[in-house]
Structure formats: C-alpha cells, structure tokens
Protein backbone atom coordinates (compact mmCIF):
# COMPACT_ATOMS: atom_id res chain seq x y z
CA MET A 1 -35.58 16.42 48.69
CA ALA A 2 -32.99 17.35 47.30
CA GLY A 3 -29.87 16.76 49.25
CA GLU A 4 -31.12 17.95 52.75
CA ILE A 5 -34.15 18.21 54.47
CA GLY A 6 -35.30 22.54 55.24
CA LYS A 7 -37.01 22.97 58.99
CA PHE A 8 -41.05 22.86 57.01
CA GLN A 9 -40.11 19.03 55.92
CA LEU A 10 -39.14 18.03 58.10
CA GLU A 11 -42.70 19.01 60.20
CA LEU A 12 -44.51 17.66 57.81
CA LEU A 13 -42.29 14.33 58.08
CA GLN A 14 -43.35 14.63 61.50
CA LYS A 15 -46.81 15.89 60.96
CA LEU A 16 -47.81 12.72 58.98
CA ALA A 17 -45.93 10.52 61.00
CA GLN A 18 -48.08 11.68 63.45
CA LYS A 19 -51.13 11.22 62.13
CA TYR A 20 -50.68 8.45 59.91
CA SER A 21 -48.61 6.25 63.13
CA LYS A 22 -50.76 2.44 62.36
CA LYS A 23 -49.36 2.27 58.80
CA ALA A 24 -45.57 1.58 57.69
CA PHE A 25 -43.62 4.55 55.76
CA ILE A 26 -42.19 3.38 52.10
CA ILE A 27 -38.87 5.07 51.96
CA ALA A 28 -37.88 4.23 48.25
CA LEU A 29 -35.57 7.29 47.21
CA ASP A 30 -32.94 6.72 44.13
CA ASN A 31 -30.78 3.90 44.11
CA ASP A 32 -28.20 5.35 44.96
CA THR A 33 -25.61 7.25 47.45
CA ALA A 34 -27.29 10.26 47.85
CA GLY A 35 -30.31 8.51 47.99
CA GLU A 36 -28.87 6.47 50.15
CA LYS A 37 -27.93 8.78 52.27
CA MET A 38 -31.37 11.18 52.06
CA THR A 39 -32.75 7.71 53.69
CA GLU A 40 -30.74 7.36 56.37
CA LYS A 41 -32.00 10.73 57.64
CA ILE A 42 -35.67 10.01 56.76
CA TYR A 43 -35.77 6.74 58.96
CA ASN A 44 -33.28 8.89 62.45
CA ILE A 45 -36.00 11.11 62.33
CA LEU A 46 -39.07 9.12 62.28
CA LYS A 47 -37.86 5.06 63.15
CA ASN A 48 -39.35 6.09 66.71
CA LEU A 49 -42.70 7.18 65.05
CA VAL A 50 -43.95 4.77 62.35
CA LYS A 51 -42.54 2.25 61.23
CA ILE A 52 -40.36 2.19 57.79
CA GLU A 53 -40.17 0.09 54.83
CA ILE A 54 -37.04 0.87 52.95
CA LYS A 55 -37.02 -0.34 49.34
CA PHE A 56 -33.75 0.49 46.35
CA PRO A 57 -35.02 -0.17 42.58
CA GLU A 58 -32.49 -3.38 42.33
CA LYS A 59 -30.36 -3.07 39.38
CA TYR A 60 -31.59 0.03 38.53
CA LYS A 61 -31.16 4.19 39.93
CA ASP A 62 -34.16 5.31 40.38
CA TRP A 63 -37.72 3.92 40.55
CA ASN A 64 -38.86 5.83 36.95
CA ASP A 65 -35.36 4.36 35.35
CA TYR A 66 -36.87 0.70 36.74
CA ILE A 67 -41.12 1.62 35.59
CA GLU A 68 -39.21 2.72 32.24
CA LYS A 69 -38.17 -1.08 31.31
CA ASN A 70 -39.77 -2.33 33.11
CA LYS A 71 -43.61 -2.48 30.90
C-alpha cells in the first residue's frame, strides 16, 4: 500500500477484520511521515472492527532496517 488505500485494499482490510474480529491487528509500517499517515488511515478504517496495536521500529526507518541491524 503505497500512499493511498484503493477500493480493493479497503474491501480486503474490512473482510479480514470481519473474519478475524476476535484477533488483534498489528499495524507495523515504516517509521516515517508516510508510514504514520498510512497507519492513521488504516487505524481509522479498522478501529471499530478489531483491536489494533500500532508498532513502529524505534530508531529505525523500517522493520527491515531493524532486522538487518539486529541479527
């Protein structure tokens, strides 16, 4: 999902939320402005459907950077 959530992605998120409504969704996107904006968009779509946890890789740009530097 780069920048915007399309109709297909929105429908997919909503279907997944309905299917897994008793589970927690973890939103773990990049630790930058674009990642924060997309996290907020996804949160607003799902907040009334499932429990949500938001995770950002502190001190790192993204989760791959975190993994590479913590091997």
